[in-house]
Amino acid sequence: MLNIAQHQLKITTGGYEVIASGIVHLTESELKFYIGGLTIKYRFNSDNEGERFEAEIINNELIIKLFNFSNPLGQGRIDPVELGIINGRKLFATFWVDTPDLMSNHRQFSYTFLLAEQ
């Protein structure tokens, strides 16, 4: 049997190196990541204009506003979205949001952070 603890794991796909990936169960409308000196905040919002996301920088934080992400079957971005640069390499992210109970604001947020391969 292979003992993975003895081996360094590196995951690559489509010209990217996966540096972090996971799932966070949310009961709040905001989620922050701190990665390579960058602060990335995902914020859930609702309005009448359909599903979309917008990004802006406020007080040195990248704020990604996710509008109308309320589908119990899930929705998000599987194609990598460029967020910035870490140590001279472009940082990208993908995310997927499942919302089984919008009334209680419960969500499952899946994420992957990737760096462009050198």
Protein backbone atom coordinates (compact mmCIF):
# COMPACT_ATOMS: atom_id res chain seq x y z
CA MET A 1 0.00 0.00 0.00
CA LEU A 2 1.26 3.50 -0.89
CA ASN A 3 1.84 5.79 2.09
CA ILE A 4 0.90 9.24 0.76
CA ALA A 5 2.32 10.95 3.86
CA GLN A 6 5.80 10.02 2.61
CA HIS A 7 5.24 11.68 -0.78
CA GLN A 8 4.64 15.28 -1.74
CA LEU A 9 1.35 15.65 -3.60
CA LYS A 10 1.18 18.02 -6.57
CA ILE A 11 -1.96 18.36 -8.68
CA THR A 12 -1.96 19.96 -12.13
CA THR A 13 -4.67 20.36 -14.73
CA GLY A 14 -4.93 22.26 -18.00
CA GLY A 15 -1.83 24.41 -17.43
CA TYR A 16 -2.62 25.15 -13.77
CA GLU A 17 -1.23 23.95 -10.46
CA VAL A 18 -3.88 23.38 -7.78
CA ILE A 19 -2.69 25.04 -4.57
CA ALA A 20 -5.86 24.71 -2.46
CA SER A 21 -9.22 23.05 -2.85
CA GLY A 22 -12.04 22.27 -0.47
CA ILE A 23 -15.60 22.75 0.71
CA VAL A 24 -16.88 25.19 3.33
CA HIS A 25 -20.36 24.90 4.84
CA LEU A 26 -21.77 28.39 5.30
CA THR A 27 -24.46 29.85 7.51
CA GLU A 28 -23.39 33.44 6.81
CA SER A 29 -23.47 35.53 3.64
CA GLU A 30 -19.73 36.17 3.54
CA LEU A 31 -16.56 34.08 3.28
CA LYS A 32 -12.90 35.25 3.37
CA PHE A 33 -9.76 33.57 2.10
CA TYR A 34 -6.23 34.75 2.90
CA ILE A 35 -3.77 33.44 0.35
CA GLY A 36 -0.28 34.64 -0.53
CA GLY A 37 -0.79 38.07 1.01
CA LEU A 38 -4.13 38.57 -0.76
CA THR A 39 -7.52 38.81 0.92
CA ILE A 40 -10.36 37.45 -1.19
CA LYS A 41 -13.90 37.90 0.07
CA TYR A 42 -16.95 36.20 -1.45
CA ARG A 43 -20.21 37.95 -0.56
CA PHE A 44 -23.71 36.68 -1.39
CA ASN A 45 -26.26 39.28 -2.54
CA SER A 46 -29.81 39.20 -3.89
CA ASP A 47 -31.59 41.46 -6.37
CA ASN A 48 -33.92 41.15 -9.37
CA GLU A 49 -31.28 41.10 -12.14
CA GLY A 50 -30.44 37.38 -12.38
CA GLU A 51 -27.42 35.27 -11.51
CA ARG A 52 -24.04 36.97 -11.95
CA PHE A 53 -20.87 37.93 -10.16
CA GLU A 54 -19.00 41.22 -9.91
CA ALA A 55 -15.63 42.06 -8.41
CA GLU A 56 -14.14 45.18 -6.88
CA ILE A 57 -11.22 46.11 -4.65
CA ILE A 58 -12.07 47.87 -1.38
CA ASN A 59 -9.46 48.54 1.33
CA ASN A 60 -6.97 46.14 -0.31
CA GLU A 61 -9.51 43.29 -0.37
CA LEU A 62 -10.79 41.67 -3.54
CA ILE A 63 -14.55 41.43 -3.02
CA ILE A 64 -16.42 39.06 -5.29
CA LYS A 65 -20.15 39.67 -5.09
CA LEU A 66 -22.26 36.64 -6.00
CA PHE A 67 -25.75 37.78 -6.95
CA ASN A 68 -28.75 35.44 -6.73
CA PHE A 69 -26.81 32.24 -6.08
CA SER A 70 -29.75 30.29 -4.70
CA ASN A 71 -29.98 27.12 -6.80
CA PRO A 72 -30.25 23.92 -4.71
CA LEU A 73 -28.68 22.00 -7.63
CA GLY A 74 -25.66 24.30 -7.62
CA GLN A 75 -24.15 27.05 -9.72
CA GLY A 76 -20.81 28.76 -10.11
CA ARG A 77 -17.72 28.99 -12.29
CA ILE A 78 -15.83 25.87 -13.29
CA ASP A 79 -13.64 27.73 -15.79
CA PRO A 80 -10.82 29.43 -13.85
CA VAL A 81 -11.27 33.15 -13.14
CA GLU A 82 -8.10 35.25 -12.81
CA LEU A 83 -7.83 36.97 -9.41
CA GLY A 84 -4.31 38.39 -9.17
CA ILE A 85 -0.62 37.53 -9.00
CA ILE A 86 1.28 35.64 -6.29
CA ASN A 87 5.08 35.43 -6.47
CA GLY A 88 5.02 36.34 -10.15
CA ARG A 89 2.41 33.69 -11.06
CA LYS A 90 -1.19 34.37 -12.01
CA LEU A 91 -3.72 33.24 -9.39
CA PHE A 92 -7.04 31.78 -10.55
CA ALA A 93 -10.09 30.40 -8.76
CA THR A 94 -13.09 28.24 -9.49
CA PHE A 95 -16.13 27.95 -7.24
CA TRP A 96 -19.43 26.11 -7.02
CA VAL A 97 -22.27 26.95 -4.65
CA ASP A 98 -25.07 24.61 -3.56
CA THR A 99 -27.91 26.30 -1.66
CA PRO A 100 -30.09 23.59 -0.10
CA ASP A 101 -31.88 26.01 2.25
CA LEU A 102 -32.00 29.65 1.17
CA MET A 103 -34.35 30.67 3.99
CA SER A 104 -31.74 29.77 6.61
CA ASN A 105 -28.84 31.05 4.44
CA HIS A 106 -27.16 27.61 4.43
CA ARG A 107 -24.78 27.00 1.55
CA GLN A 108 -22.05 24.59 0.55
CA PHE A 109 -19.19 26.52 -1.10
CA SER A 110 -16.69 24.45 -3.10
CA TYR A 111 -13.51 26.21 -4.18
CA THR A 112 -10.23 25.62 -5.96
CA PHE A 113 -7.32 28.05 -6.12
CA LEU A 114 -4.85 27.55 -8.94
CA LEU A 115 -1.60 29.08 -10.15
CA ALA A 116 -0.65 29.26 -13.81
CA GLU A 117 2.12 26.73 -14.41
CA GLN A 118 5.55 28.18 -15.11
